[in-house]
Amino acid sequence: MEKSAEGKHPVKAFGWAARDRSGLLSPFKFSRRATGDEDVRFKVLYCGICHTDLHRIKNEWGGSNYPLLPGHEIVGVVTEVGSKVQKFKVEDRVGVGCLVGACHSCDNCANDLENYCTKKILTYNATYIDGTTTYGGYSDHMVANEHYVVRIPDNLPLDAVAPLLCAGITTYSPLRYFELDKPGIHVGVVGLGGLGHVGVKFAKAFGAKVTVISTSPNKKKEAIEHLGADSFLVSRDPDQMQAAMGTLDGILDTVSAVHPLLPLFGLLKSHGKLIMLGAPDKPLELPVFPLLMGRKLVAGSAIGGLKETQEMIDFAAKHNITADIEVISMDYVNTAMERLEKVDVKYRFVIDVANTLKAA
């Protein structure tokens, strides 16, 4: 009798996974496939914690399959490469982000936009081409086709670069695509969290003028003095918002909570662009009249393709851009999830996998 696809995987692996929608993570033994001809295997050194991980382990978006081993901001050092691998060698510093597969035959894939392929395969909680479940980076090692592996330049610290594989590309891609990457452009960033803080850094590196928009007045000093924003708006202060009406060329909205869009439309110049990056769990109200009166645009953007992800990492290396992180041990991960839910992190948790993941 033929073994199941899971049973064909000969390489033992170990990590932490959730078993049910309580989201509680605990030690988990599993297996990964042997290194294929085009595969890169690497020891995981660090893995960032994305808010998506929290949604998935608790099945807040539906579709979570247990056991679920999260993590899609994965960095480490190559330990083995397949015979046909051309871009990487043993001991290279590498990373894997949100994707490990796509169809490679649709228009999106042909244009290096695997992130919009309808058959894309996510790094965890998905089904791989061999029929097995994908497991993420809260684990001791990772294997992926070389197409989905990015090179990490030597000058970037691996722990602080890990979140760029999701938060970084999620903000870099819309800045590029919607032409908000030009010197002198005035960009607003709504929300100063995991996405927002790297969005500020990328926009500033492109030469843009940056205004942070937040409900929290106490974030002003951090935004301006530490992250380099040019100005700060308290979105609940009608006088501040009124004074800034019609000043922004584009806005990156990173907020995943339900919030009003109308005040943001007012901040945009004519032909301005509001780019949605957060994922609220309930529909937002969309007032149409202010869009008509300024030919304004509301759009969405999700991560980026692999070519652009490598471009983003190389740009980050050139401009010394990293995430602001709090490094934690694997056995602290459940506490970190509780804190993340309370927005108690500045700005991204990163698990020190190599030094703190202990086999059961």
Protein backbone atom coordinates (compact mmCIF):
# COMPACT_ATOMS: atom_id res chain seq x y z
CA MET A 1 0.00 0.00 0.00
CA GLU A 2 1.42 3.39 -1.02
CA LYS A 3 2.36 5.71 1.78
CA SER A 4 0.56 9.02 2.11
CA ALA A 5 2.25 12.08 0.67
CA GLU A 6 3.09 13.13 4.24
CA GLY A 7 4.73 9.78 4.83
CA LYS A 8 7.06 10.23 1.87
CA HIS A 9 8.89 13.06 3.56
CA PRO A 10 12.10 11.59 5.00
CA VAL A 11 13.65 14.61 6.75
CA LYS A 12 12.66 14.99 10.39
CA ALA A 13 11.79 18.49 11.51
CA PHE A 14 10.74 20.20 14.70
CA GLY A 15 8.87 23.37 15.51
CA TRP A 16 5.93 24.87 17.37
CA ALA A 17 2.39 24.55 16.04
CA ALA A 18 -1.19 25.32 17.03
CA ARG A 19 -3.51 22.29 17.36
CA ASP A 20 -6.87 24.13 17.46
CA ARG A 21 -8.43 27.58 17.28
CA SER A 22 -7.32 28.42 20.80
CA GLY A 23 -4.12 29.35 18.98
CA LEU A 24 -1.93 27.91 21.72
CA LEU A 25 1.42 26.93 20.22
CA SER A 26 3.39 23.95 21.50
CA PRO A 27 6.23 21.65 20.36
CA PHE A 28 5.47 19.72 17.17
CA LYS A 29 7.40 16.99 15.38
CA PHE A 30 6.88 16.70 11.63
CA SER A 31 8.83 16.06 8.45
CA ARG A 32 9.93 17.96 5.37
CA ARG A 33 10.66 16.66 1.87
CA ALA A 34 14.10 15.62 0.72
CA THR A 35 16.04 18.33 -1.08
CA GLY A 36 14.87 18.27 -4.72
CA ASP A 37 17.00 19.22 -7.72
CA GLU A 38 15.84 22.85 -7.58
CA ASP A 39 15.46 23.12 -3.80
CA VAL A 40 17.36 25.09 -1.21
CA ARG A 41 17.41 23.82 2.38
CA PHE A 42 18.45 26.13 5.17
CA LYS A 43 18.76 26.22 8.91
CA VAL A 44 16.27 28.70 10.31
CA LEU A 45 18.00 31.26 12.51
CA TYR A 46 15.20 33.79 12.99
CA CYS A 47 11.51 34.08 12.14
CA GLY A 48 9.38 37.18 12.48
CA ILE A 49 5.87 37.10 13.92
CA CYS A 50 3.34 38.69 11.56
CA HIS A 51 -0.17 39.66 12.65
CA THR A 52 -1.35 37.18 10.01
CA ASP A 53 0.15 34.41 12.15
CA LEU A 54 -2.13 35.43 15.02
CA HIS A 55 -5.20 35.48 12.75
CA ARG A 56 -4.34 32.08 11.32
CA ILE A 57 -3.59 30.18 14.53
CA LYS A 58 -6.97 31.32 15.90
CA ASN A 59 -8.82 30.73 12.60
CA GLU A 60 -10.09 34.31 12.67
CA TRP A 61 -10.21 34.44 8.86
CA GLY A 62 -11.52 30.89 8.47
CA GLY A 63 -9.74 28.15 6.54
CA SER A 64 -7.13 27.29 9.15
CA ASN A 65 -6.09 23.64 9.09
CA TYR A 66 -4.52 22.08 12.17
CA PRO A 67 -1.88 21.35 13.18
CA LEU A 68 -0.83 24.77 11.89
CA LEU A 69 2.83 25.79 12.06
CA PRO A 70 3.09 29.52 11.22
CA GLY A 71 5.88 31.85 10.16
CA HIS A 72 6.55 33.54 6.80
CA GLU A 73 9.37 35.92 7.69
CA ILE A 74 12.06 33.26 7.71
CA VAL A 75 15.83 33.78 7.51
CA GLY A 76 18.80 31.49 7.91
CA VAL A 77 21.86 29.90 6.37
CA VAL A 78 21.87 27.39 3.51
CA THR A 79 22.84 23.84 4.47
CA GLU A 80 22.10 21.99 1.21
CA VAL A 81 21.22 22.79 -2.41
CA GLY A 82 19.81 20.62 -5.19
CA SER A 83 21.84 19.62 -8.24
CA LYS A 84 20.15 22.16 -10.52
CA VAL A 85 20.23 25.13 -8.13
CA GLN A 86 22.08 28.03 -9.73
CA LYS A 87 21.56 31.04 -7.46
CA PHE A 88 22.61 29.72 -4.06
CA LYS A 89 25.31 27.69 -2.36
CA VAL A 90 25.91 26.26 1.11
CA GLU A 91 26.43 28.93 3.81
CA ASP A 92 24.62 31.66 1.86
CA ARG A 93 22.35 33.93 3.94
CA VAL A 94 18.80 33.53 2.65
CA GLY A 95 15.16 34.09 3.42
CA VAL A 96 11.68 32.85 2.50
CA GLY A 97 8.63 35.09 2.73
CA CYS A 98 4.94 34.45 2.21
CA LEU A 99 5.12 32.25 -0.90
CA VAL A 100 6.58 28.85 -1.77
CA GLY A 101 4.74 28.11 -5.03
CA ALA A 102 2.65 29.37 -7.94
CA CYS A 103 1.47 28.10 -11.34
CA HIS A 104 4.20 29.82 -13.42
CA SER A 105 1.90 29.87 -16.45
CA CYS A 106 -0.64 32.67 -15.85
CA ASP A 107 -0.27 36.34 -16.79
CA ASN A 108 0.56 37.29 -13.21
CA CYS A 109 3.38 34.77 -12.98
CA ALA A 110 4.67 35.82 -16.41
CA ASN A 111 4.96 39.37 -15.06
CA ASP A 112 6.77 38.39 -11.84
CA LEU A 113 3.59 38.82 -9.81
CA GLU A 114 3.36 35.37 -8.26
CA ASN A 115 1.67 37.01 -5.27
CA TYR A 116 -1.45 37.53 -7.42
CA CYS A 117 -1.46 34.05 -8.99
CA THR A 118 -4.76 32.34 -8.21
CA LYS A 119 -2.86 29.11 -7.65
CA LYS A 120 -0.16 30.56 -5.41
CA ILE A 121 1.00 28.38 -2.53
CA LEU A 122 1.45 30.09 0.82
CA THR A 123 4.38 29.24 3.06
CA TYR A 124 2.12 27.71 5.69
CA ASN A 125 -1.48 26.49 6.00
CA ALA A 126 -1.59 25.59 2.31
CA THR A 127 -1.31 22.48 0.16
CA TYR A 128 1.93 22.01 -1.75
CA ILE A 129 2.17 20.54 -5.28
CA ASP A 130 2.87 17.07 -3.82
CA GLY A 131 -0.35 17.18 -1.82
CA THR A 132 1.27 17.80 1.55
CA THR A 133 0.66 20.60 4.02
CA THR A 134 3.04 23.55 4.05
CA TYR A 135 4.62 24.39 7.38
CA GLY A 136 6.22 27.74 8.21
CA GLY A 137 9.26 29.13 9.91
CA TYR A 138 8.61 28.51 13.60
CA SER A 139 10.81 25.47 12.99
CA ASP A 140 14.39 24.29 12.88
CA HIS A 141 14.84 24.22 9.10
CA MET A 142 13.11 25.11 5.85
CA VAL A 143 13.18 23.80 2.27
CA ALA A 144 11.88 25.67 -0.77
CA ASN A 145 12.32 25.84 -4.52
CA GLU A 146 15.12 28.30 -5.24
CA HIS A 147 12.69 30.59 -7.10
CA TYR A 148 11.06 31.41 -3.75
CA VAL A 149 14.30 32.03 -1.88
CA VAL A 150 15.85 35.50 -1.60
CA ARG A 151 19.45 36.39 -0.91
CA ILE A 152 20.16 38.47 2.19
CA PRO A 153 23.07 40.92 1.72
CA ASP A 154 25.87 40.65 4.27
CA ASN A 155 25.37 44.11 5.77
CA LEU A 156 21.81 43.40 6.95
CA PRO A 157 21.41 41.78 10.40
CA LEU A 158 19.36 38.63 9.95
CA ASP A 159 17.08 39.17 12.94
CA ALA A 160 16.05 42.71 11.94
CA VAL A 161 15.74 41.91 8.22
CA ALA A 162 13.32 39.00 8.76
CA PRO A 163 10.14 41.17 8.98
CA LEU A 164 10.99 42.82 5.66
CA LEU A 165 10.01 39.56 3.94
CA CYS A 166 6.38 40.44 4.71
CA ALA A 167 6.05 43.90 6.27
CA GLY A 168 8.82 45.29 4.07
CA ILE A 169 7.55 44.10 0.70
CA THR A 170 3.95 44.93 1.68
CA THR A 171 4.88 48.62 1.95
CA TYR A 172 7.64 48.78 -0.68
CA SER A 173 5.53 47.33 -3.50
CA PRO A 174 2.68 49.90 -3.42
CA LEU A 175 5.12 52.78 -3.08
CA ARG A 176 6.74 51.60 -6.31
CA TYR A 177 3.64 50.57 -8.24
CA PHE A 178 1.57 53.68 -7.44
CA GLU A 179 4.53 55.97 -8.16
CA LEU A 180 4.86 57.25 -4.62
CA ASP A 181 8.61 56.58 -4.77
CA LYS A 182 9.70 59.93 -6.20
CA PRO A 183 11.57 62.69 -4.37
CA GLY A 184 9.18 65.44 -3.28
CA ILE A 185 6.09 63.23 -3.25
CA HIS A 186 4.09 63.67 -0.03
CA VAL A 187 3.09 60.30 1.46
CA GLY A 188 0.88 59.65 4.45
CA VAL A 189 1.24 56.49 6.54
CA VAL A 190 -1.79 55.51 8.64
CA GLY A 191 -0.87 53.41 11.66
CA LEU A 192 2.58 53.14 13.20
CA GLY A 193 2.95 49.41 13.76
CA GLY A 194 4.79 46.55 12.09
CA LEU A 195 3.84 47.69 8.58
CA GLY A 196 3.68 51.42 9.20
CA HIS A 197 7.12 51.89 10.68
CA VAL A 198 8.90 50.23 7.75
CA GLY A 199 6.60 52.08 5.34
CA VAL A 200 7.93 55.35 6.79
CA LYS A 201 11.51 54.17 6.35
CA PHE A 202 11.05 53.12 2.72
CA ALA A 203 9.16 56.28 1.77
CA LYS A 204 11.88 58.45 3.33
CA ALA A 205 14.59 56.47 1.51
CA PHE A 206 12.79 57.19 -1.77
CA GLY A 207 13.01 60.89 -0.96
CA ALA A 208 9.35 61.41 -0.12
CA LYS A 209 7.98 63.78 2.49
CA VAL A 210 6.21 61.61 5.07
CA THR A 211 3.31 62.36 7.40
CA VAL A 212 2.33 59.75 9.98
CA ILE A 213 -1.39 59.62 10.79
CA SER A 214 -2.30 57.97 14.08
CA THR A 215 -4.96 57.90 16.79
CA SER A 216 -2.16 57.97 19.40
CA PRO A 217 -0.63 61.41 20.13
CA ASN A 218 2.11 59.74 22.18
CA LYS A 219 3.63 58.26 19.01
CA LYS A 220 4.57 61.68 17.61
CA LYS A 221 8.06 61.85 19.10
CA GLU A 222 8.86 58.33 17.96
CA ALA A 223 7.58 58.98 14.44
CA ILE A 224 9.54 62.17 13.93
CA GLU A 225 12.69 61.77 16.01
CA HIS A 226 13.33 58.06 15.56
CA LEU A 227 11.73 57.10 12.25
CA GLY A 228 12.36 60.39 10.46
CA ALA A 229 8.79 61.35 9.56
CA ASP A 230 8.38 65.01 8.59
CA SER A 231 5.07 65.56 10.35
CA PHE A 232 2.45 63.84 12.50
CA LEU A 233 -1.33 64.05 12.49
CA VAL A 234 -3.63 62.90 15.26
CA SER A 235 -6.53 61.51 13.25
CA ARG A 236 -9.00 62.23 16.07
CA ASP A 237 -8.06 65.92 16.14
CA PRO A 238 -10.39 67.69 13.69
CA ASP A 239 -8.30 70.87 13.69
CA GLN A 240 -5.13 69.03 12.72
CA MET A 241 -6.93 67.05 10.03
CA GLN A 242 -8.60 70.17 8.62
CA ALA A 243 -5.26 71.98 8.43
CA ALA A 244 -3.79 69.12 6.39
CA MET A 245 -6.66 68.83 3.89
CA GLY A 246 -5.54 68.31 0.31
CA THR A 247 -1.83 67.95 1.08
CA LEU A 248 -1.02 64.29 0.40
CA ASP A 249 -0.23 62.63 -2.94
CA GLY A 250 -0.83 59.17 -1.53
CA ILE A 251 -1.58 57.32 1.69
CA LEU A 252 -0.56 53.85 2.84
CA ASP A 253 -3.31 52.66 5.20
CA THR A 254 -1.82 49.87 7.33
CA VAL A 255 -4.63 49.65 9.90
CA SER A 256 -6.45 46.33 10.24
CA ALA A 257 -9.11 47.61 12.65
CA VAL A 258 -12.40 49.00 11.36
CA HIS A 259 -11.93 52.75 10.84
CA PRO A 260 -13.48 55.60 8.82
CA LEU A 261 -12.03 56.36 5.39
CA LEU A 262 -13.74 59.71 4.82
CA PRO A 263 -11.18 61.75 6.83
CA LEU A 264 -8.37 60.16 4.82
CA PHE A 265 -9.99 61.09 1.51
CA GLY A 266 -9.95 64.69 2.69
CA LEU A 267 -6.19 64.61 3.18
CA LEU A 268 -5.57 63.61 -0.43
CA LYS A 269 -4.86 66.04 -3.23
CA SER A 270 -6.88 65.69 -6.44
CA HIS A 271 -5.81 62.44 -8.15
CA GLY A 272 -4.50 61.21 -4.79
CA LYS A 273 -4.31 57.52 -3.96
CA LEU A 274 -5.42 55.71 -0.81
CA ILE A 275 -3.75 52.30 -0.74
CA MET A 276 -5.24 49.73 1.63
CA LEU A 277 -2.69 47.38 3.18
CA GLY A 278 -4.45 46.37 6.39
CA ALA A 279 -7.14 43.70 6.45
CA PRO A 280 -10.11 44.68 8.67
CA ASP A 281 -12.34 41.71 9.51
CA LYS A 282 -15.49 43.70 8.65
CA PRO A 283 -16.33 45.78 5.54
CA LEU A 284 -15.42 49.47 5.66
CA GLU A 285 -17.81 52.22 4.57
CA LEU A 286 -16.77 53.72 1.23
CA PRO A 287 -18.11 57.26 0.67
CA VAL A 288 -18.08 57.76 -3.10
CA PHE A 289 -18.81 61.48 -3.45
CA PRO A 290 -15.38 62.69 -2.23
CA LEU A 291 -13.73 60.28 -4.68
CA LEU A 292 -15.69 61.75 -7.58
CA MET A 293 -14.89 65.32 -6.63
CA GLY A 294 -11.14 64.80 -6.79
CA ARG A 295 -10.74 61.82 -9.12
CA LYS A 296 -9.24 60.03 -6.15
CA LEU A 297 -8.34 56.37 -6.06
CA VAL A 298 -8.82 53.63 -3.48
CA ALA A 299 -6.71 50.55 -4.15
CA GLY A 300 -5.30 47.50 -2.42
CA SER A 301 -1.93 45.80 -2.47
CA ALA A 302 -0.64 42.51 -1.07
CA ILE A 303 3.04 41.62 -0.59
CA GLY A 304 4.95 41.37 -3.90
CA GLY A 305 6.44 38.96 -6.40
CA LEU A 306 9.81 37.31 -5.86
CA LYS A 307 11.72 39.59 -8.23
CA GLU A 308 10.40 42.66 -6.44
CA THR A 309 11.03 41.10 -3.03
CA GLN A 310 14.70 40.67 -3.90
CA GLU A 311 14.75 44.23 -5.22
CA MET A 312 13.28 45.43 -1.92
CA ILE A 313 15.88 43.56 0.13
CA ASP A 314 18.71 44.98 -2.00
CA PHE A 315 17.24 48.50 -1.63
CA ALA A 316 17.04 47.97 2.14
CA ALA A 317 20.70 46.95 2.19
CA LYS A 318 21.70 50.04 0.21
CA HIS A 319 19.80 52.36 2.57
CA ASN A 320 20.38 50.42 5.81
CA ILE A 321 16.68 49.78 6.34
CA THR A 322 15.66 47.15 8.89
CA ALA A 323 12.64 46.58 11.11
CA ASP A 324 12.61 47.69 14.74
CA ILE A 325 12.32 44.43 16.61
CA GLU A 326 12.04 42.69 19.95
CA VAL A 327 13.87 39.36 19.84
CA ILE A 328 12.19 36.60 21.85
CA SER A 329 12.75 32.95 22.69
CA MET A 330 10.52 30.23 21.26
CA ASP A 331 9.04 29.41 24.65
CA TYR A 332 7.86 33.05 24.93
CA VAL A 333 5.85 32.84 21.70
CA ASN A 334 2.41 32.43 23.31
CA THR A 335 3.01 35.46 25.52
CA ALA A 336 4.17 37.35 22.44
CA MET A 337 0.90 36.50 20.69
CA GLU A 338 -1.07 37.85 23.67
CA ARG A 339 0.97 41.05 23.57
CA LEU A 340 0.59 41.34 19.80
CA GLU A 341 -3.18 41.16 20.21
CA LYS A 342 -2.92 44.13 22.58
CA VAL A 343 -0.57 45.98 20.17
CA ASP A 344 2.11 45.76 22.85
CA VAL A 345 5.21 45.53 20.65
CA LYS A 346 7.55 48.03 19.05
CA TYR A 347 7.30 47.05 16.27
CA ARG A 348 7.84 43.41 15.42
CA PHE A 349 8.55 40.27 17.43
CA VAL A 350 11.28 38.05 16.00
CA ILE A 351 11.89 34.55 17.32
CA ASP A 352 15.52 33.54 17.92
CA VAL A 353 14.83 30.08 16.55
CA ALA A 354 18.39 28.74 16.35
CA ASN A 355 19.27 29.47 19.97
CA THR A 356 15.96 28.79 21.71
CA LEU A 357 14.11 26.02 19.84
CA LYS A 358 14.70 22.92 21.93
CA ALA A 359 13.67 19.51 20.65
CA ALA A 360 11.17 17.69 22.85
